[in-house]
Amino acid sequence: RCRETGVSGKTGQTAEWLHRIDQWKQDYPLVVPHYPDILSPQQVISQL
């Protein structure tokens, strides 16, 4: 239906929203802890 009627997102319609989400991605990333003598669970799964 979108193709038949030429409907799509307007240019820049969600740009500000996506920029805000990208900022959240930078500010609150998923973190893989590293310890000197013992593995973290996240390290194991990340290596897999």
All heavy atoms as atom14 arrays in JSON, in Angstrom:
{
  "sequence": "RCRETGVSGKTGQTAEWLHRIDQWKQDYPLVVPHYPDILSPQQVISQL",
  "atom14_mask": [
    [1, 1, 1, 1, 1, 1, 1, 1, 1, 1, 1, 0, 0, 0],
    [1, 1, 1, 1, 1, 1, 0, 0, 0, 0, 0, 0, 0, 0],
    [1, 1, 1, 1, 1, 1, 1, 1, 1, 1, 1, 0, 0, 0],
    [1, 1, 1, 1, 1, 1, 1, 1, 1, 0, 0, 0, 0, 0],
    [1, 1, 1, 1, 1, 1, 1, 0, 0, 0, 0, 0, 0, 0],
    [1, 1, 1, 1, 0, 0, 0, 0, 0, 0, 0, 0, 0, 0],
    [1, 1, 1, 1, 1, 1, 1, 0, 0, 0, 0, 0, 0, 0],
    [1, 1, 1, 1, 1, 1, 0, 0, 0, 0, 0, 0, 0, 0],
    [1, 1, 1, 1, 0, 0, 0, 0, 0, 0, 0, 0, 0, 0],
    [1, 1, 1, 1, 1, 1, 1, 1, 1, 0, 0, 0, 0, 0],
    [1, 1, 1, 1, 1, 1, 1, 0, 0, 0, 0, 0, 0, 0],
    [1, 1, 1, 1, 0, 0, 0, 0, 0, 0, 0, 0, 0, 0],
    [1, 1, 1, 1, 1, 1, 1, 1, 1, 0, 0, 0, 0, 0],
    [1, 1, 1, 1, 1, 1, 1, 0, 0, 0, 0, 0, 0, 0],
    [1, 1, 1, 1, 1, 0, 0, 0, 0, 0, 0, 0, 0, 0],
    [1, 1, 1, 1, 1, 1, 1, 1, 1, 0, 0, 0, 0, 0],
    [1, 1, 1, 1, 1, 1, 1, 1, 1, 1, 1, 1, 1, 1],
    [1, 1, 1, 1, 1, 1, 1, 1, 0, 0, 0, 0, 0, 0],
    [1, 1, 1, 1, 1, 1, 1, 1, 1, 1, 0, 0, 0, 0],
    [1, 1, 1, 1, 1, 1, 1, 1, 1, 1, 1, 0, 0, 0],
    [1, 1, 1, 1, 1, 1, 1, 1, 0, 0, 0, 0, 0, 0],
    [1, 1, 1, 1, 1, 1, 1, 1, 0, 0, 0, 0, 0, 0],
    [1, 1, 1, 1, 1, 1, 1, 1, 1, 0, 0, 0, 0, 0],
    [1, 1, 1, 1, 1, 1, 1, 1, 1, 1, 1, 1, 1, 1],
    [1, 1, 1, 1, 1, 1, 1, 1, 1, 0, 0, 0, 0, 0],
    [1, 1, 1, 1, 1, 1, 1, 1, 1, 0, 0, 0, 0, 0],
    [1, 1, 1, 1, 1, 1, 1, 1, 0, 0, 0, 0, 0, 0],
    [1, 1, 1, 1, 1, 1, 1, 1, 1, 1, 1, 1, 0, 0],
    [1, 1, 1, 1, 1, 1, 1, 0, 0, 0, 0, 0, 0, 0],
    [1, 1, 1, 1, 1, 1, 1, 1, 0, 0, 0, 0, 0, 0],
    [1, 1, 1, 1, 1, 1, 1, 0, 0, 0, 0, 0, 0, 0],
    [1, 1, 1, 1, 1, 1, 1, 0, 0, 0, 0, 0, 0, 0],
    [1, 1, 1, 1, 1, 1, 1, 0, 0, 0, 0, 0, 0, 0],
    [1, 1, 1, 1, 1, 1, 1, 1, 1, 1, 0, 0, 0, 0],
    [1, 1, 1, 1, 1, 1, 1, 1, 1, 1, 1, 1, 0, 0],
    [1, 1, 1, 1, 1, 1, 1, 0, 0, 0, 0, 0, 0, 0],
    [1, 1, 1, 1, 1, 1, 1, 1, 0, 0, 0, 0, 0, 0],
    [1, 1, 1, 1, 1, 1, 1, 1, 0, 0, 0, 0, 0, 0],
    [1, 1, 1, 1, 1, 1, 1, 1, 0, 0, 0, 0, 0, 0],
    [1, 1, 1, 1, 1, 1, 0, 0, 0, 0, 0, 0, 0, 0],
    [1, 1, 1, 1, 1, 1, 1, 0, 0, 0, 0, 0, 0, 0],
    [1, 1, 1, 1, 1, 1, 1, 1, 1, 0, 0, 0, 0, 0],
    [1, 1, 1, 1, 1, 1, 1, 1, 1, 0, 0, 0, 0, 0],
    [1, 1, 1, 1, 1, 1, 1, 0, 0, 0, 0, 0, 0, 0],
    [1, 1, 1, 1, 1, 1, 1, 1, 0, 0, 0, 0, 0, 0],
    [1, 1, 1, 1, 1, 1, 0, 0, 0, 0, 0, 0, 0, 0],
    [1, 1, 1, 1, 1, 1, 1, 1, 1, 0, 0, 0, 0, 0],
    [1, 1, 1, 1, 1, 1, 1, 1, 0, 0, 0, 0, 0, 0]
  ],
  "atom14_positions": [
    [[0.84, -1.21, 0.0], [0.0, 0.0, 0.0], [0.88, 1.26, 0.0], [0.57, 2.24, -0.69], [-0.91, -0.02, 1.23], [-1.81, 1.18, 1.39], [-2.84, 1.26, 0.3], [-3.74, 2.38, 0.5], [-4.45, 2.96, -0.46], [-4.37, 2.49, -1.71], [-5.24, 3.96, -0.21], [0.0, 0.0, 0.0], [0.0, 0.0, 0.0], [0.0, 0.0, 0.0]],
    [[1.98, 1.22, 0.76], [2.89, 2.37, 0.78], [3.52, 2.6, -0.59], [3.64, 3.75, -1.04], [3.99, 2.14, 1.82], [3.44, 2.27, 3.53], [0.0, 0.0, 0.0], [0.0, 0.0, 0.0], [0.0, 0.0, 0.0], [0.0, 0.0, 0.0], [0.0, 0.0, 0.0], [0.0, 0.0, 0.0], [0.0, 0.0, 0.0], [0.0, 0.0, 0.0]],
    [[3.92, 1.51, -1.26], [4.51, 1.67, -2.6], [3.49, 2.21, -3.59], [3.81, 3.09, -4.41], [5.05, 0.32, -3.08], [6.36, -0.1, -2.42], [6.99, -1.29, -3.15], [6.18, -2.49, -3.03], [6.28, -3.38, -2.05], [7.17, -3.2, -1.1], [5.5, -4.44, -2.02], [0.0, 0.0, 0.0], [0.0, 0.0, 0.0], [0.0, 0.0, 0.0]],
    [[2.26, 1.72, -3.52], [1.23, 2.15, -4.47], [0.88, 3.62, -4.31], [0.56, 4.3, -5.29], [-0.03, 1.3, -4.28], [0.13, -0.14, -4.73], [-1.05, -1.01, -4.34], [-1.94, -0.53, -3.58], [-1.1, -2.17, -4.79], [0.0, 0.0, 0.0], [0.0, 0.0, 0.0], [0.0, 0.0, 0.0], [0.0, 0.0, 0.0], [0.0, 0.0, 0.0]],
    [[0.94, 4.11, -3.08], [0.55, 5.5, -2.82], [1.76, 6.43, -2.66], [1.58, 7.62, -2.4], [-0.32, 5.57, -1.54], [0.41, 5.0, -0.44], [-1.62, 4.81, -1.74], [0.0, 0.0, 0.0], [0.0, 0.0, 0.0], [0.0, 0.0, 0.0], [0.0, 0.0, 0.0], [0.0, 0.0, 0.0], [0.0, 0.0, 0.0], [0.0, 0.0, 0.0]],
    [[2.96, 5.88, -2.81], [4.17, 6.71, -2.7], [4.45, 7.2, -1.29], [5.11, 8.22, -1.1], [0.0, 0.0, 0.0], [0.0, 0.0, 0.0], [0.0, 0.0, 0.0], [0.0, 0.0, 0.0], [0.0, 0.0, 0.0], [0.0, 0.0, 0.0], [0.0, 0.0, 0.0], [0.0, 0.0, 0.0], [0.0, 0.0, 0.0], [0.0, 0.0, 0.0]],
    [[3.98, 6.45, -0.29], [4.16, 6.87, 1.1], [5.5, 6.35, 1.62], [5.86, 5.19, 1.42], [3.02, 6.34, 1.99], [3.32, 6.57, 3.46], [1.71, 7.01, 1.6], [0.0, 0.0, 0.0], [0.0, 0.0, 0.0], [0.0, 0.0, 0.0], [0.0, 0.0, 0.0], [0.0, 0.0, 0.0], [0.0, 0.0, 0.0], [0.0, 0.0, 0.0]],
    [[6.22, 7.22, 2.3], [7.43, 6.81, 3.04], [7.65, 7.85, 4.12], [6.94, 8.85, 4.19], [8.64, 6.73, 2.11], [8.93, 7.99, 1.55], [0.0, 0.0, 0.0], [0.0, 0.0, 0.0], [0.0, 0.0, 0.0], [0.0, 0.0, 0.0], [0.0, 0.0, 0.0], [0.0, 0.0, 0.0], [0.0, 0.0, 0.0], [0.0, 0.0, 0.0]],
    [[8.64, 7.62, 4.94], [8.96, 8.6, 5.96], [9.45, 9.89, 5.32], [10.22, 9.88, 4.36], [0.0, 0.0, 0.0], [0.0, 0.0, 0.0], [0.0, 0.0, 0.0], [0.0, 0.0, 0.0], [0.0, 0.0, 0.0], [0.0, 0.0, 0.0], [0.0, 0.0, 0.0], [0.0, 0.0, 0.0], [0.0, 0.0, 0.0], [0.0, 0.0, 0.0]],
    [[8.99, 11.01, 5.85], [9.46, 12.29, 5.33], [10.94, 12.47, 5.64], [11.44, 11.96, 6.64], [8.66, 13.44, 5.95], [7.16, 13.37, 5.73], [6.48, 14.61, 6.31], [4.97, 14.5, 6.23], [4.42, 13.6, 7.27], [0.0, 0.0, 0.0], [0.0, 0.0, 0.0], [0.0, 0.0, 0.0], [0.0, 0.0, 0.0], [0.0, 0.0, 0.0]],
    [[11.63, 13.18, 4.79], [13.06, 13.42, 5.0], [13.28, 14.07, 6.36], [12.7, 15.11, 6.67], [13.62, 14.32, 3.89], [13.38, 13.7, 2.62], [15.12, 14.52, 4.08], [0.0, 0.0, 0.0], [0.0, 0.0, 0.0], [0.0, 0.0, 0.0], [0.0, 0.0, 0.0], [0.0, 0.0, 0.0], [0.0, 0.0, 0.0], [0.0, 0.0, 0.0]],
    [[14.09, 13.43, 7.18], [14.4, 14.0, 8.49], [13.31, 13.85, 9.52], [13.43, 14.38, 10.62], [0.0, 0.0, 0.0], [0.0, 0.0, 0.0], [0.0, 0.0, 0.0], [0.0, 0.0, 0.0], [0.0, 0.0, 0.0], [0.0, 0.0, 0.0], [0.0, 0.0, 0.0], [0.0, 0.0, 0.0], [0.0, 0.0, 0.0], [0.0, 0.0, 0.0]],
    [[12.23, 13.1, 9.19], [11.09, 13.0, 10.1], [11.5, 12.44, 11.46], [11.03, 12.93, 12.49], [10.01, 12.12, 9.47], [8.77, 11.92, 10.34], [7.7, 11.11, 9.62], [7.6, 11.13, 8.39], [6.89, 10.39, 10.37], [0.0, 0.0, 0.0], [0.0, 0.0, 0.0], [0.0, 0.0, 0.0], [0.0, 0.0, 0.0], [0.0, 0.0, 0.0]],
    [[12.37, 11.45, 11.46], [12.78, 10.85, 12.73], [14.24, 11.14, 13.06], [14.8, 10.53, 13.97], [12.56, 9.32, 12.7], [13.39, 8.76, 11.68], [11.12, 8.97, 12.44], [0.0, 0.0, 0.0], [0.0, 0.0, 0.0], [0.0, 0.0, 0.0], [0.0, 0.0, 0.0], [0.0, 0.0, 0.0], [0.0, 0.0, 0.0], [0.0, 0.0, 0.0]],
    [[14.85, 12.08, 12.34], [16.3, 12.32, 12.51], [16.64, 12.74, 13.93], [17.62, 12.25, 14.53], [16.76, 13.37, 11.51], [0.0, 0.0, 0.0], [0.0, 0.0, 0.0], [0.0, 0.0, 0.0], [0.0, 0.0, 0.0], [0.0, 0.0, 0.0], [0.0, 0.0, 0.0], [0.0, 0.0, 0.0], [0.0, 0.0, 0.0], [0.0, 0.0, 0.0]],
    [[15.86, 13.66, 14.49], [16.15, 14.14, 15.84], [15.99, 13.0, 16.86], [16.79, 12.87, 17.8], [15.19, 15.28, 16.19], [15.47, 15.93, 17.54], [14.54, 17.11, 17.82], [13.97, 17.67, 16.87], [14.39, 17.45, 19.01], [0.0, 0.0, 0.0], [0.0, 0.0, 0.0], [0.0, 0.0, 0.0], [0.0, 0.0, 0.0], [0.0, 0.0, 0.0]],
    [[14.98, 12.18, 16.65], [14.72, 11.05, 17.52], [15.86, 10.02, 17.44], [16.37, 9.55, 18.46], [13.4, 10.43, 17.09], [12.94, 9.16, 17.75], [12.56, 8.02, 17.12], [12.75, 8.9, 19.15], [12.14, 7.07, 18.02], [12.26, 7.58, 19.28], [12.95, 9.65, 20.3], [11.96, 7.0, 20.5], [12.66, 9.07, 21.54], [12.17, 7.76, 21.63]],
    [[16.32, 9.72, 16.24], [17.42, 8.77, 16.07], [18.71, 9.31, 16.67], [19.51, 8.56, 17.24], [17.6, 8.43, 14.6], [16.45, 7.66, 13.94], [16.71, 7.49, 12.45], [16.26, 6.3, 14.6], [0.0, 0.0, 0.0], [0.0, 0.0, 0.0], [0.0, 0.0, 0.0], [0.0, 0.0, 0.0], [0.0, 0.0, 0.0], [0.0, 0.0, 0.0]],
    [[18.91, 10.63, 16.54], [20.1, 11.25, 17.15], [20.05, 11.11, 18.67], [21.08, 10.83, 19.32], [20.18, 12.72, 16.75], [21.31, 13.44, 17.42], [22.63, 13.27, 17.06], [21.32, 14.34, 18.45], [23.4, 14.02, 17.82], [22.64, 14.69, 18.67], [0.0, 0.0, 0.0], [0.0, 0.0, 0.0], [0.0, 0.0, 0.0], [0.0, 0.0, 0.0]],
    [[18.86, 11.28, 19.22], [18.73, 11.16, 20.68], [19.01, 9.73, 21.13], [19.68, 9.49, 22.14], [17.32, 11.58, 21.09], [17.13, 11.66, 22.6], [15.8, 12.28, 22.92], [15.66, 12.5, 24.35], [14.54, 12.9, 24.93], [13.48, 13.14, 24.19], [14.48, 13.09, 26.22], [0.0, 0.0, 0.0], [0.0, 0.0, 0.0], [0.0, 0.0, 0.0]],
    [[18.52, 8.75, 20.37], [18.77, 7.35, 20.7], [20.26, 7.03, 20.57], [20.83, 6.32, 21.42], [17.92, 6.43, 19.8], [16.44, 6.55, 20.19], [18.38, 4.98, 19.89], [15.49, 5.83, 19.26], [0.0, 0.0, 0.0], [0.0, 0.0, 0.0], [0.0, 0.0, 0.0], [0.0, 0.0, 0.0], [0.0, 0.0, 0.0], [0.0, 0.0, 0.0]],
    [[20.9, 7.57, 19.53], [22.35, 7.36, 19.38], [23.11, 7.92, 20.58], [24.12, 7.35, 21.01], [22.85, 8.0, 18.09], [22.47, 7.2, 16.86], [22.15, 6.0, 17.01], [22.47, 7.76, 15.75], [0.0, 0.0, 0.0], [0.0, 0.0, 0.0], [0.0, 0.0, 0.0], [0.0, 0.0, 0.0], [0.0, 0.0, 0.0], [0.0, 0.0, 0.0]],
    [[22.63, 9.03, 21.11], [23.28, 9.61, 22.29], [23.12, 8.68, 23.5], [24.06, 8.47, 24.26], [22.67, 10.98, 22.6], [23.42, 11.75, 23.69], [24.83, 12.13, 23.26], [25.03, 12.75, 22.24], [25.81, 11.72, 24.05], [0.0, 0.0, 0.0], [0.0, 0.0, 0.0], [0.0, 0.0, 0.0], [0.0, 0.0, 0.0], [0.0, 0.0, 0.0]],
    [[21.93, 8.11, 23.64], [21.72, 7.13, 24.72], [22.65, 5.93, 24.54], [23.17, 5.39, 25.52], [20.27, 6.66, 24.75], [19.3, 7.64, 25.32], [19.53, 8.56, 26.3], [17.92, 7.8, 24.96], [18.39, 9.28, 26.57], [17.38, 8.83, 25.76], [17.09, 7.16, 24.03], [16.06, 9.24, 25.66], [15.76, 7.57, 23.93], [15.25, 8.6, 24.74]],
    [[22.82, 5.49, 23.3], [23.73, 4.36, 23.04], [25.15, 4.68, 23.5], [25.85, 3.82, 24.05], [23.73, 4.0, 21.56], [22.47, 3.34, 21.05], [22.6, 3.01, 19.57], [21.36, 2.33, 19.03], [21.47, 1.99, 17.58], [0.0, 0.0, 0.0], [0.0, 0.0, 0.0], [0.0, 0.0, 0.0], [0.0, 0.0, 0.0], [0.0, 0.0, 0.0]],
    [[25.58, 5.91, 23.26], [26.93, 6.31, 23.69], [27.01, 6.45, 25.2], [28.02, 6.09, 25.82], [27.31, 7.63, 23.02], [27.49, 7.54, 21.51], [27.81, 8.9, 20.91], [28.62, 9.67, 21.46], [27.19, 9.21, 19.78], [0.0, 0.0, 0.0], [0.0, 0.0, 0.0], [0.0, 0.0, 0.0], [0.0, 0.0, 0.0], [0.0, 0.0, 0.0]],
    [[25.97, 6.97, 25.8], [26.0, 7.26, 27.23], [25.79, 6.02, 28.09], [26.29, 5.94, 29.21], [24.92, 8.3, 27.59], [25.25, 9.68, 27.03], [26.44, 9.93, 26.74], [24.32, 10.48, 26.88], [0.0, 0.0, 0.0], [0.0, 0.0, 0.0], [0.0, 0.0, 0.0], [0.0, 0.0, 0.0], [0.0, 0.0, 0.0], [0.0, 0.0, 0.0]],
    [[25.0, 5.06, 27.59], [24.65, 3.89, 28.4], [24.92, 2.59, 27.62], [24.02, 1.8, 27.36], [23.18, 3.94, 28.81], [22.81, 5.19, 29.57], [22.01, 6.16, 28.98], [23.25, 5.38, 30.88], [21.67, 7.31, 29.68], [22.91, 6.52, 31.58], [22.11, 7.48, 30.98], [21.78, 8.61, 31.67], [0.0, 0.0, 0.0], [0.0, 0.0, 0.0]],
    [[26.15, 2.34, 27.24], [26.45, 1.12, 26.48], [26.41, -0.12, 27.37], [26.51, -0.03, 28.59], [27.87, 1.37, 25.98], [28.48, 2.23, 27.04], [27.37, 3.12, 27.53], [0.0, 0.0, 0.0], [0.0, 0.0, 0.0], [0.0, 0.0, 0.0], [0.0, 0.0, 0.0], [0.0, 0.0, 0.0], [0.0, 0.0, 0.0], [0.0, 0.0, 0.0]],
    [[26.25, -1.26, 26.74], [26.46, -2.52, 27.46], [27.95, -2.69, 27.7], [28.75, -2.51, 26.79], [25.92, -3.7, 26.64], [24.4, -3.75, 26.46], [24.02, -4.84, 25.47], [23.69, -3.98, 27.79], [0.0, 0.0, 0.0], [0.0, 0.0, 0.0], [0.0, 0.0, 0.0], [0.0, 0.0, 0.0], [0.0, 0.0, 0.0], [0.0, 0.0, 0.0]],
    [[28.32, -3.03, 28.91], [29.73, -3.05, 29.32], [30.18, -4.48, 29.59], [29.46, -5.27, 30.22], [29.93, -2.18, 30.58], [31.35, -2.31, 31.1], [29.61, -0.72, 30.28], [0.0, 0.0, 0.0], [0.0, 0.0, 0.0], [0.0, 0.0, 0.0], [0.0, 0.0, 0.0], [0.0, 0.0, 0.0], [0.0, 0.0, 0.0], [0.0, 0.0, 0.0]],
    [[31.37, -4.82, 29.1], [32.01, -6.11, 29.39], [33.09, -5.88, 30.44], [34.14, -5.32, 30.14], [32.63, -6.73, 28.13], [33.33, -8.05, 28.48], [31.56, -6.96, 27.06], [0.0, 0.0, 0.0], [0.0, 0.0, 0.0], [0.0, 0.0, 0.0], [0.0, 0.0, 0.0], [0.0, 0.0, 0.0], [0.0, 0.0, 0.0], [0.0, 0.0, 0.0]],
    [[32.85, -6.3, 31.69], [33.87, -6.09, 32.73], [35.09, -6.99, 32.49], [34.96, -8.11, 32.0], [33.15, -6.5, 34.03], [31.7, -6.61, 33.68], [31.64, -6.93, 32.22], [0.0, 0.0, 0.0], [0.0, 0.0, 0.0], [0.0, 0.0, 0.0], [0.0, 0.0, 0.0], [0.0, 0.0, 0.0], [0.0, 0.0, 0.0], [0.0, 0.0, 0.0]],
    [[36.26, -6.46, 32.85], [37.49, -7.23, 32.78], [38.17, -7.18, 34.14], [38.33, -6.1, 34.73], [38.43, -6.66, 31.7], [37.95, -6.91, 30.31], [36.97, -6.15, 29.71], [38.31, -7.85, 29.4], [36.75, -6.6, 28.48], [37.56, -7.63, 28.26], [0.0, 0.0, 0.0], [0.0, 0.0, 0.0], [0.0, 0.0, 0.0], [0.0, 0.0, 0.0]],
    [[38.54, -8.36, 34.64], [39.21, -8.47, 35.93], [40.58, -9.13, 35.71], [40.77, -9.88, 34.75], [38.36, -9.29, 36.91], [36.95, -8.74, 37.07], [35.85, -9.43, 36.56], [36.72, -7.52, 37.7], [34.56, -8.93, 36.69], [35.43, -7.02, 37.84], [34.36, -7.73, 37.33], [33.08, -7.22, 37.46], [0.0, 0.0, 0.0], [0.0, 0.0, 0.0]],
    [[41.53, -8.87, 36.6], [42.9, -9.35, 36.35], [43.05, -10.86, 36.37], [43.8, -11.42, 35.57], [43.73, -8.68, 37.46], [42.73, -8.28, 38.51], [41.46, -7.99, 37.78], [0.0, 0.0, 0.0], [0.0, 0.0, 0.0], [0.0, 0.0, 0.0], [0.0, 0.0, 0.0], [0.0, 0.0, 0.0], [0.0, 0.0, 0.0], [0.0, 0.0, 0.0]],
    [[42.38, -11.56, 37.27], [42.65, -12.98, 37.47], [41.45, -13.89, 37.27], [41.55, -15.11, 37.46], [43.22, -13.21, 38.88], [44.52, -12.47, 39.09], [45.36, -12.5, 38.17], [44.68, -11.86, 40.17], [0.0, 0.0, 0.0], [0.0, 0.0, 0.0], [0.0, 0.0, 0.0], [0.0, 0.0, 0.0], [0.0, 0.0, 0.0], [0.0, 0.0, 0.0]],
    [[40.3, -13.33, 36.95], [39.09, -14.15, 36.83], [38.26, -13.61, 35.67], [38.26, -12.41, 35.38], [38.27, -14.14, 38.15], [37.11, -15.14, 38.09], [37.77, -12.74, 38.47], [37.51, -16.57, 38.15], [0.0, 0.0, 0.0], [0.0, 0.0, 0.0], [0.0, 0.0, 0.0], [0.0, 0.0, 0.0], [0.0, 0.0, 0.0], [0.0, 0.0, 0.0]],
    [[37.56, -14.49, 35.0], [36.71, -14.1, 33.88], [35.39, -13.54, 34.36], [34.84, -13.97, 35.37], [36.43, -15.32, 33.0], [37.57, -15.77, 32.07], [37.39, -17.23, 31.7], [37.6, -14.9, 30.82], [0.0, 0.0, 0.0], [0.0, 0.0, 0.0], [0.0, 0.0, 0.0], [0.0, 0.0, 0.0], [0.0, 0.0, 0.0], [0.0, 0.0, 0.0]],
    [[34.87, -12.57, 33.61], [33.48, -12.15, 33.81], [32.61, -12.96, 32.87], [33.05, -13.4, 31.79], [33.32, -10.66, 33.53], [33.42, -10.39, 32.13], [0.0, 0.0, 0.0], [0.0, 0.0, 0.0], [0.0, 0.0, 0.0], [0.0, 0.0, 0.0], [0.0, 0.0, 0.0], [0.0, 0.0, 0.0], [0.0, 0.0, 0.0], [0.0, 0.0, 0.0]],
    [[31.35, -13.2, 33.23], [30.45, -13.94, 32.33], [30.31, -13.26, 30.97], [30.23, -13.93, 29.94], [29.12, -13.94, 33.09], [29.47, -13.71, 34.51], [30.69, -12.84, 34.49], [0.0, 0.0, 0.0], [0.0, 0.0, 0.0], [0.0, 0.0, 0.0], [0.0, 0.0, 0.0], [0.0, 0.0, 0.0], [0.0, 0.0, 0.0], [0.0, 0.0, 0.0]],
    [[30.28, -11.91, 30.98], [30.13, -11.18, 29.74], [31.3, -11.42, 28.79], [31.12, -11.46, 27.56], [29.98, -9.68, 30.03], [28.75, -9.31, 30.85], [29.05, -9.22, 32.34], [29.8, -10.04, 32.89], [28.48, -8.23, 33.01], [0.0, 0.0, 0.0], [0.0, 0.0, 0.0], [0.0, 0.0, 0.0], [0.0, 0.0, 0.0], [0.0, 0.0, 0.0]],
    [[32.51, -11.59, 29.35], [33.67, -11.9, 28.5], [33.48, -13.21, 27.76], [33.82, -13.32, 26.58], [34.94, -12.0, 29.36], [35.6, -10.69, 29.72], [36.82, -10.94, 30.6], [36.69, -11.16, 31.81], [38.0, -10.92, 30.0], [0.0, 0.0, 0.0], [0.0, 0.0, 0.0], [0.0, 0.0, 0.0], [0.0, 0.0, 0.0], [0.0, 0.0, 0.0]],
    [[32.95, -14.2, 28.46], [32.76, -15.52, 27.86], [31.82, -15.43, 26.66], [32.11, -15.93, 25.57], [32.22, -16.51, 28.9], [32.01, -17.89, 28.28], [33.14, -16.59, 30.11], [0.0, 0.0, 0.0], [0.0, 0.0, 0.0], [0.0, 0.0, 0.0], [0.0, 0.0, 0.0], [0.0, 0.0, 0.0], [0.0, 0.0, 0.0], [0.0, 0.0, 0.0]],
    [[30.69, -14.76, 26.87], [29.68, -14.68, 25.81], [30.16, -13.79, 24.67], [29.94, -14.1, 23.49], [28.35, -14.2, 26.41], [27.82, -15.29, 27.36], [27.33, -13.89, 25.33], [26.84, -14.83, 28.38], [0.0, 0.0, 0.0], [0.0, 0.0, 0.0], [0.0, 0.0, 0.0], [0.0, 0.0, 0.0], [0.0, 0.0, 0.0], [0.0, 0.0, 0.0]],
    [[30.85, -12.72, 24.98], [31.38, -11.84, 23.93], [32.39, -12.57, 23.06], [32.43, -12.4, 21.85], [32.02, -10.6, 24.56], [31.05, -9.81, 25.2], [0.0, 0.0, 0.0], [0.0, 0.0, 0.0], [0.0, 0.0, 0.0], [0.0, 0.0, 0.0], [0.0, 0.0, 0.0], [0.0, 0.0, 0.0], [0.0, 0.0, 0.0], [0.0, 0.0, 0.0]],
    [[33.23, -13.42, 23.68], [34.21, -14.17, 22.91], [33.53, -15.23, 22.04], [33.94, -15.47, 20.9], [35.22, -14.83, 23.85], [36.38, -15.51, 23.16], [37.18, -14.59, 22.25], [37.53, -14.97, 21.13], [37.48, -13.39, 22.72], [0.0, 0.0, 0.0], [0.0, 0.0, 0.0], [0.0, 0.0, 0.0], [0.0, 0.0, 0.0], [0.0, 0.0, 0.0]],
    [[32.47, -15.85, 22.55], [31.69, -16.77, 21.73], [31.09, -16.04, 20.53], [31.12, -16.55, 19.39], [30.57, -17.4, 22.55], [30.94, -18.53, 23.51], [29.78, -18.86, 24.43], [31.37, -19.78, 22.73], [0.0, 0.0, 0.0], [0.0, 0.0, 0.0], [0.0, 0.0, 0.0], [0.0, 0.0, 0.0], [0.0, 0.0, 0.0], [0.0, 0.0, 0.0]]
  ]
}
